[in-house]
PDB file of N, CA and C in Angstrom:
ATOM      1  N   UNK A   1      59.775  -4.646  -1.925  1.00  0.00           N
ATOM      2  CA  UNK A   1      59.788  -3.296  -1.905  1.00  0.00           C
ATOM      3  C   UNK A   1      58.429  -2.728  -2.320  1.00  0.00           C
ATOM      4  N   UNK A   2      57.923  -1.664  -1.760  1.00  0.00           N
ATOM      5  CA  UNK A   2      56.626  -1.070  -2.069  1.00  0.00           C
ATOM      6  C   UNK A   2      56.890  -0.194  -3.412  1.00  0.00           C
ATOM      7  N   UNK A   3      56.003  -0.352  -4.296  1.00  0.00           N
ATOM      8  CA  UNK A   3      56.139   0.458  -5.520  1.00  0.00           C
ATOM      9  C   UNK A   3      55.804   1.836  -5.354  1.00  0.00           C
ATOM     10  N   UNK A   4      56.234   2.811  -6.136  1.00  0.00           N
ATOM     11  CA  UNK A   4      56.056   4.225  -5.934  1.00  0.00           C
ATOM     12  C   UNK A   4      54.509   4.603  -5.794  1.00  0.00           C
ATOM     13  N   UNK A   5      53.785   4.000  -6.708  1.00  0.00           N
ATOM     14  CA  UNK A   5      52.254   4.364  -6.676  1.00  0.00           C
ATOM     15  C   UNK A   5      51.677   4.036  -5.184  1.00  0.00           C
ATOM     16  N   UNK A   6      51.974   2.771  -4.708  1.00  0.00           N
ATOM     17  CA  UNK A   6      51.428   2.528  -3.380  1.00  0.00           C
ATOM     18  C   UNK A   6      52.063   3.369  -2.298  1.00  0.00           C
ATOM     19  N   UNK A   7      53.361   3.554  -2.384  1.00  0.00           N
ATOM     20  CA  UNK A   7      54.072   4.374  -1.339  1.00  0.00           C
ATOM     21  C   UNK A   7      53.393   5.770  -1.282  1.00  0.00           C
ATOM     22  N   UNK A   8      53.162   6.365  -2.520  1.00  0.00           N
ATOM     23  CA  UNK A   8      52.586   7.739  -2.492  1.00  0.00           C
ATOM     24  C   UNK A   8      51.186   7.673  -1.920  1.00  0.00           C
ATOM     25  N   UNK A   9      50.396   6.641  -2.095  1.00  0.00           N
ATOM     26  CA  UNK A   9      49.120   6.492  -1.526  1.00  0.00           C
ATOM     27  C   UNK A   9      49.229   6.423  -0.062  1.00  0.00           C
ATOM     28  N   UNK A  10      50.206   5.743   0.394  1.00  0.00           N
ATOM     29  CA  UNK A  10      50.427   5.500   1.866  1.00  0.00           C
ATOM     30  C   UNK A  10      50.702   6.793   2.624  1.00  0.00           C
ATOM     31  N   UNK A  11      51.495   7.674   1.907  1.00  0.00           N
ATOM     32  CA  UNK A  11      51.867   8.894   2.639  1.00  0.00           C
ATOM     33  C   UNK A  11      51.262  10.129   2.194  1.00  0.00           C
ATOM     34  N   UNK A  12      50.076   9.903   1.452  1.00  0.00           N
ATOM     35  CA  UNK A  12      49.268  10.973   0.984  1.00  0.00           C
ATOM     36  C   UNK A  12      48.256  11.340   2.182  1.00  0.00           C
ATOM     37  N   UNK A  13      48.719  12.140   3.125  1.00  0.00           N
ATOM     38  CA  UNK A  13      47.994  12.331   4.351  1.00  0.00           C
ATOM     39  C   UNK A  13      46.734  13.240   4.263  1.00  0.00           C
ATOM     40  N   UNK A  14      45.689  12.720   4.851  1.00  0.00           N
ATOM     41  CA  UNK A  14      44.433  13.455   4.949  1.00  0.00           C
ATOM     42  C   UNK A  14      44.038  13.608   6.410  1.00  0.00           C
ATOM     43  N   UNK A  15      44.167  14.919   6.891  1.00  0.00           N
ATOM     44  CA  UNK A  15      44.092  15.140   8.321  1.00  0.00           C
ATOM     45  C   UNK A  15      45.052  14.390   9.138  1.00  0.00           C
ATOM     46  N   UNK A  16      46.268  14.250   8.690  1.00  0.00           N
ATOM     47  CA  UNK A  16      47.449  13.746   9.228  1.00  0.00           C
ATOM     48  C   UNK A  16      47.414  12.125   9.382  1.00  0.00           C
ATOM     49  N   UNK A  17      46.538  11.544   8.561  1.00  0.00           N
ATOM     50  CA  UNK A  17      46.434  10.112   8.492  1.00  0.00           C
ATOM     51  C   UNK A  17      46.589   9.617   7.097  1.00  0.00           C
ATOM     52  N   UNK A  18      47.461   8.667   6.886  1.00  0.00           N
ATOM     53  CA  UNK A  18      47.640   7.970   5.564  1.00  0.00           C
ATOM     54  C   UNK A  18      47.158   6.524   5.687  1.00  0.00           C
ATOM     55  N   UNK A  19      47.603   5.712   4.757  1.00  0.00           N
ATOM     56  CA  UNK A  19      47.170   4.274   4.857  1.00  0.00           C
ATOM     57  C   UNK A  19      48.173   3.508   5.747  1.00  0.00           C
ATOM     58  N   UNK A  20      47.645   3.381   6.929  1.00  0.00           N
ATOM     59  CA  UNK A  20      48.539   2.661   7.922  1.00  0.00           C
ATOM     60  C   UNK A  20      49.597   3.469   8.588  1.00  0.00           C
ATOM     61  N   UNK A  21      49.618   4.782   8.222  1.00  0.00           N
ATOM     62  CA  UNK A  21      50.681   5.612   8.708  1.00  0.00           C
ATOM     63  C   UNK A  21      50.039   6.993   9.104  1.00  0.00           C
ATOM     64  N   UNK A  22      50.476   7.626  10.121  1.00  0.00           N
ATOM     65  CA  UNK A  22      50.051   8.922  10.467  1.00  0.00           C
ATOM     66  C   UNK A  22      51.331   9.868  10.466  1.00  0.00           C
ATOM     67  N   UNK A  23      51.086  11.132  10.431  1.00  0.00           N
ATOM     68  CA  UNK A  23      52.083  12.101  10.524  1.00  0.00           C
ATOM     69  C   UNK A  23      52.001  12.929  11.835  1.00  0.00           C
ATOM     70  N   UNK A  24      53.072  13.327  12.388  1.00  0.00           N
ATOM     71  CA  UNK A  24      53.086  14.002  13.595  1.00  0.00           C
ATOM     72  C   UNK A  24      54.291  14.849  13.802  1.00  0.00           C
ATOM     73  N   UNK A  25      54.265  15.889  14.443  1.00  0.00           N
ATOM     74  CA  UNK A  25      55.420  16.679  14.767  1.00  0.00           C
ATOM     75  C   UNK A  25      56.030  16.255  16.062  1.00  0.00           C
ATOM     76  N   UNK A  26      57.328  15.803  15.846  1.00  0.00           N
ATOM     77  CA  UNK A  26      58.073  15.252  17.018  1.00  0.00           C
ATOM     78  C   UNK A  26      59.376  16.018  17.167  1.00  0.00           C
ATOM     79  N   UNK A  27      60.073  15.893  18.269  1.00  0.00           N
ATOM     80  CA  UNK A  27      61.404  16.478  18.455  1.00  0.00           C
ATOM     81  C   UNK A  27      62.248  16.004  17.112  1.00  0.00           C
ATOM     82  N   UNK A  28      62.710  16.968  16.478  1.00  0.00           N
ATOM     83  CA  UNK A  28      63.577  16.638  15.202  1.00  0.00           C
ATOM     84  C   UNK A  28      62.750  16.900  13.950  1.00  0.00           C
ATOM     85  N   UNK A  29      61.447  17.125  14.014  1.00  0.00           N
ATOM     86  CA  UNK A  29      60.660  17.575  12.822  1.00  0.00           C
ATOM     87  C   UNK A  29      59.455  16.669  12.571  1.00  0.00           C
ATOM     88  N   UNK A  30      59.132  16.745  11.342  1.00  0.00           N
ATOM     89  CA  UNK A  30      57.847  15.897  10.919  1.00  0.00           C
ATOM     90  C   UNK A  30      58.155  14.528  10.807  1.00  0.00           C
ATOM     91  N   UNK A  31      57.311  13.611  11.394  1.00  0.00           N
ATOM     92  CA  UNK A  31      57.596  12.122  11.433  1.00  0.00           C
ATOM     93  C   UNK A  31      56.375  11.433  10.862  1.00  0.00           C
ATOM     94  N   UNK A  32      56.650  10.385  10.198  1.00  0.00           N
ATOM     95  CA  UNK A  32      55.584   9.411   9.822  1.00  0.00           C
ATOM     96  C   UNK A  32      55.698   8.380  10.822  1.00  0.00           C
ATOM     97  N   UNK A  33      54.574   7.773  11.333  1.00  0.00           N
ATOM     98  CA  UNK A  33      54.529   6.849  12.359  1.00  0.00           C
ATOM     99  C   UNK A  33      53.563   5.798  12.234  1.00  0.00           C
ATOM    100  N   UNK A  34      53.664   4.881  13.061  1.00  0.00           N
ATOM    101  CA  UNK A  34      52.669   3.650  13.282  1.00  0.00           C
ATOM    102  C   UNK A  34      52.841   3.228  14.643  1.00  0.00           C
ATOM    103  N   UNK A  35      51.738   2.842  15.324  1.00  0.00           N
ATOM    104  CA  UNK A  35      51.733   2.229  16.694  1.00  0.00           C
ATOM    105  C   UNK A  35      50.783   1.191  16.812  1.00  0.00           C
ATOM    106  N   UNK A  36      50.922   0.356  17.868  1.00  0.00           N
ATOM    107  CA  UNK A  36      50.036  -0.695  18.102  1.00  0.00           C
ATOM    108  C   UNK A  36      50.169  -1.294  19.499  1.00  0.00           C
ATOM    109  N   UNK A  37      49.224  -2.135  19.830  1.00  0.00           N
ATOM    110  CA  UNK A  37      49.399  -2.843  21.151  1.00  0.00           C
ATOM    111  C   UNK A  37      48.650  -4.207  20.951  1.00  0.00           C
ATOM    112  N   UNK A  38      49.219  -5.142  21.769  1.00  0.00           N
ATOM    113  CA  UNK A  38      48.548  -6.433  21.661  1.00  0.00           C
ATOM    114  C   UNK A  38      48.976  -7.225  23.036  1.00  0.00           C
ATOM    115  N   UNK A  39      48.001  -7.469  23.758  1.00  0.00           N
ATOM    116  CA  UNK A  39      48.092  -8.450  25.028  1.00  0.00           C
ATOM    117  C   UNK A  39      49.249  -7.871  25.935  1.00  0.00           C
ATOM    118  N   UNK A  40      49.209  -6.576  26.238  1.00  0.00           N
ATOM    119  CA  UNK A  40      50.097  -6.075  27.198  1.00  0.00           C
ATOM    120  C   UNK A  40      51.409  -5.486  26.611  1.00  0.00           C
ATOM    121  N   UNK A  41      51.654  -5.613  25.370  1.00  0.00           N
ATOM    122  CA  UNK A  41      52.763  -5.135  24.651  1.00  0.00           C
ATOM    123  C   UNK A  41      52.436  -3.906  23.700  1.00  0.00           C
ATOM    124  N   UNK A  42      53.177  -2.905  23.770  1.00  0.00           N
ATOM    125  CA  UNK A  42      52.839  -1.756  22.969  1.00  0.00           C
ATOM    126  C   UNK A  42      54.096  -1.280  22.206  1.00  0.00           C
ATOM    127  N   UNK A  43      53.796  -0.654  21.054  1.00  0.00           N
ATOM    128  CA  UNK A  43      54.931  -0.281  20.132  1.00  0.00           C
ATOM    129  C   UNK A  43      54.655   1.002  19.553  1.00  0.00           C
ATOM    130  N   UNK A  44      55.594   1.745  19.219  1.00  0.00           N
ATOM    131  CA  UNK A  44      55.504   3.054  18.479  1.00  0.00           C
ATOM    132  C   UNK A  44      56.788   3.162  17.544  1.00  0.00           C
ATOM    133  N   UNK A  45      56.575   3.538  16.369  1.00  0.00           N
ATOM    134  CA  UNK A  45      57.605   3.679  15.327  1.00  0.00           C
ATOM    135  C   UNK A  45      57.563   5.059  14.706  1.00  0.00           C
ATOM    136  N   UNK A  46      58.594   5.711  14.479  1.00  0.00           N
ATOM    137  CA  UNK A  46      58.629   6.988  13.718  1.00  0.00           C
ATOM    138  C   UNK A  46      59.722   6.927  12.653  1.00  0.00           C
ATOM    139  N   UNK A  47      59.449   7.565  11.531  1.00  0.00           N
ATOM    140  CA  UNK A  47      60.467   7.792  10.433  1.00  0.00           C
ATOM    141  C   UNK A  47      60.402   9.267  10.298  1.00  0.00           C
ATOM    142  N   UNK A  48      61.547   9.952  10.297  1.00  0.00           N
ATOM    143  CA  UNK A  48      61.743  11.345  10.055  1.00  0.00           C
ATOM    144  C   UNK A  48      62.343  11.519   8.668  1.00  0.00           C
ATOM    145  N   UNK A  49      61.499  11.712   7.580  1.00  0.00           N
ATOM    146  CA  UNK A  49      62.082  11.723   6.294  1.00  0.00           C
ATOM    147  C   UNK A  49      63.132  12.731   5.995  1.00  0.00           C
ATOM    148  N   UNK A  50      62.948  13.968   6.657  1.00  0.00           N
ATOM    149  CA  UNK A  50      64.001  15.041   6.361  1.00  0.00           C
ATOM    150  C   UNK A  50      65.291  14.672   6.902  1.00  0.00           C
ATOM    151  N   UNK A  51      65.351  13.869   7.977  1.00  0.00           N
ATOM    152  CA  UNK A  51      66.633  13.519   8.604  1.00  0.00           C
ATOM    153  C   UNK A  51      67.101  12.046   8.093  1.00  0.00           C
ATOM    154  N   UNK A  52      66.208  11.369   7.426  1.00  0.00           N
ATOM    155  CA  UNK A  52      66.425   9.924   7.174  1.00  0.00           C
ATOM    156  C   UNK A  52      66.740   9.061   8.410  1.00  0.00           C
ATOM    157  N   UNK A  53      65.997   9.319   9.379  1.00  0.00           N
ATOM    158  CA  UNK A  53      66.119   8.617  10.741  1.00  0.00           C
ATOM    159  C   UNK A  53      64.850   7.765  11.018  1.00  0.00           C
ATOM    160  N   UNK A  54      65.034   6.605  11.450  1.00  0.00           N
ATOM    161  CA  UNK A  54      64.007   5.772  11.876  1.00  0.00           C
ATOM    162  C   UNK A  54      64.117   5.358  13.352  1.00  0.00           C
ATOM    163  N   UNK A  55      63.208   5.339  14.167  1.00  0.00           N
ATOM    164  CA  UNK A  55      63.269   4.952  15.574  1.00  0.00           C
ATOM    165  C   UNK A  55      62.031   4.196  15.993  1.00  0.00           C
ATOM    166  N   UNK A  56      62.265   3.285  16.891  1.00  0.00           N
ATOM    167  CA  UNK A  56      61.123   2.622  17.420  1.00  0.00           C
ATOM    168  C   UNK A  56      61.322   2.243  18.918  1.00  0.00           C
ATOM    169  N   UNK A  57      60.210   2.205  19.581  1.00  0.00           N
ATOM    170  CA  UNK A  57      60.260   1.765  21.085  1.00  0.00           C
ATOM    171  C   UNK A  57      59.197   0.749  21.242  1.00  0.00           C
ATOM    172  N   UNK A  58      59.546  -0.189  22.187  1.00  0.00           N
ATOM    173  CA  UNK A  58      58.597  -1.269  22.499  1.00  0.00           C
ATOM    174  C   UNK A  58      58.428  -1.298  24.054  1.00  0.00           C
ATOM    175  N   UNK A  59      57.158  -1.518  24.436  1.00  0.00           N
ATOM    176  CA  UNK A  59      56.910  -1.641  25.882  1.00  0.00           C
ATOM    177  C   UNK A  59      56.162  -2.937  26.200  1.00  0.00           C
ATOM    178  N   UNK A  60      56.492  -3.497  27.307  1.00  0.00           N
ATOM    179  CA  UNK A  60      55.960  -4.720  27.808  1.00  0.00           C
ATOM    180  C   UNK A  60      55.371  -4.454  29.185  1.00  0.00           C
ATOM    181  N   UNK A  61      54.129  -4.332  29.298  1.00  0.00           N
ATOM    182  CA  UNK A  61      53.377  -4.107  30.503  1.00  0.00           C
ATOM    183  C   UNK A  61      52.456  -2.945  30.314  1.00  0.00           C
ATOM    184  N   UNK A  62      51.382  -2.932  31.260  1.00  0.00           N
ATOM    185  CA  UNK A  62      50.267  -1.933  31.118  1.00  0.00           C
ATOM    186  C   UNK A  62      50.691  -0.530  31.366  1.00  0.00           C
ATOM    187  N   UNK A  63      51.860  -0.395  31.995  1.00  0.00           N
ATOM    188  CA  UNK A  63      52.253   0.975  32.421  1.00  0.00           C
ATOM    189  C   UNK A  63      53.238   1.596  31.393  1.00  0.00           C
ATOM    190  N   UNK A  64      53.639   0.817  30.467  1.00  0.00           N
ATOM    191  CA  UNK A  64      54.614   1.186  29.405  1.00  0.00           C
ATOM    192  C   UNK A  64      53.962   2.253  28.454  1.00  0.00           C
ATOM    193  N   UNK A  65      54.821   3.269  28.167  1.00  0.00           N
ATOM    194  CA  UNK A  65      54.449   4.301  27.208  1.00  0.00           C
ATOM    195  C   UNK A  65      55.492   4.604  26.197  1.00  0.00           C
ATOM    196  N   UNK A  66      55.628   3.765  25.140  1.00  0.00           N
ATOM    197  CA  UNK A  66      56.639   3.827  24.175  1.00  0.00           C
ATOM    198  C   UNK A  66      56.608   5.197  23.373  1.00  0.00           C
ATOM    199  N   UNK A  67      55.471   5.828  23.282  1.00  0.00           N
ATOM    200  CA  UNK A  67      55.450   7.084  22.602  1.00  0.00           C
ATOM    201  C   UNK A  67      56.120   8.157  23.288  1.00  0.00           C
ATOM    202  N   UNK A  68      55.985   8.243  24.635  1.00  0.00           N
ATOM    203  CA  UNK A  68      56.680   9.198  25.368  1.00  0.00           C
ATOM    204  C   UNK A  68      58.079   8.906  25.554  1.00  0.00           C
ATOM    205  N   UNK A  69      58.546   7.638  25.578  1.00  0.00           N
ATOM    206  CA  UNK A  69      59.900   7.125  25.628  1.00  0.00           C
ATOM    207  C   UNK A  69      60.599   7.605  24.333  1.00  0.00           C
ATOM    208  N   UNK A  70      59.991   7.297  23.211  1.00  0.00           N
ATOM    209  CA  UNK A  70      60.498   7.551  21.911  1.00  0.00           C
ATOM    210  C   UNK A  70      60.684   9.091  21.603  1.00  0.00           C
ATOM    211  N   UNK A  71      59.603   9.925  22.019  1.00  0.00           N
ATOM    212  CA  UNK A  71      59.845  11.317  21.947  1.00  0.00           C
ATOM    213  C   UNK A  71      60.973  11.938  22.740  1.00  0.00           C
ATOM    214  N   UNK A  72      61.006  11.363  23.879  1.00  0.00           N
ATOM    215  CA  UNK A  72      62.150  11.807  24.769  1.00  0.00           C
ATOM    216  C   UNK A  72      63.541  11.517  24.255  1.00  0.00           C
ATOM    217  N   UNK A  73      63.674  10.322  23.618  1.00  0.00           N
ATOM    218  CA  UNK A  73      64.820   9.936  23.016  1.00  0.00           C
ATOM    219  C   UNK A  73      65.134  10.764  21.711  1.00  0.00           C
ATOM    220  N   UNK A  74      64.130  11.113  21.013  1.00  0.00           N
ATOM    221  CA  UNK A  74      64.375  11.902  19.810  1.00  0.00           C
ATOM    222  C   UNK A  74      64.720  13.433  20.282  1.00  0.00           C
ATOM    223  N   UNK A  75      64.164  13.822  21.425  1.00  0.00           N
ATOM    224  CA  UNK A  75      64.539  15.097  21.901  1.00  0.00           C
ATOM    225  C   UNK A  75      65.987  15.179  22.301  1.00  0.00           C
ATOM    226  N   UNK A  76      66.502  14.126  22.838  1.00  0.00           N
ATOM    227  CA  UNK A  76      67.898  14.077  23.111  1.00  0.00           C
ATOM    228  C   UNK A  76      68.783  13.951  21.938  1.00  0.00           C
ATOM    229  N   UNK A  77      68.324  13.228  20.843  1.00  0.00           N
ATOM    230  CA  UNK A  77      69.065  13.173  19.653  1.00  0.00           C
ATOM    231  C   UNK A  77      69.097  14.476  18.859  1.00  0.00           C
ATOM    232  N   UNK A  78      68.001  15.216  18.887  1.00  0.00           N
ATOM    233  CA  UNK A  78      67.978  16.507  18.099  1.00  0.00           C
ATOM    234  C   UNK A  78      68.062  17.676  19.067  1.00  0.00           C
TER     235      UNK A  78
END
């Protein structure tokens, strides 16, 4: 488990970017997220702290867009 000092550094956003985490407005509210890609696979993860909800989407292929898929899913949820 991450101790409180390091967690606070991680989510101390400067221009919407923390340490390995960014913040963004998504359907449902403010979210903390992380994304990445590697050899044709892509991923997007969001955590909405006010709702205590985490969601992730993975894509396999060059046309996959997990960010759009995840935002659409959050729009349906909220």
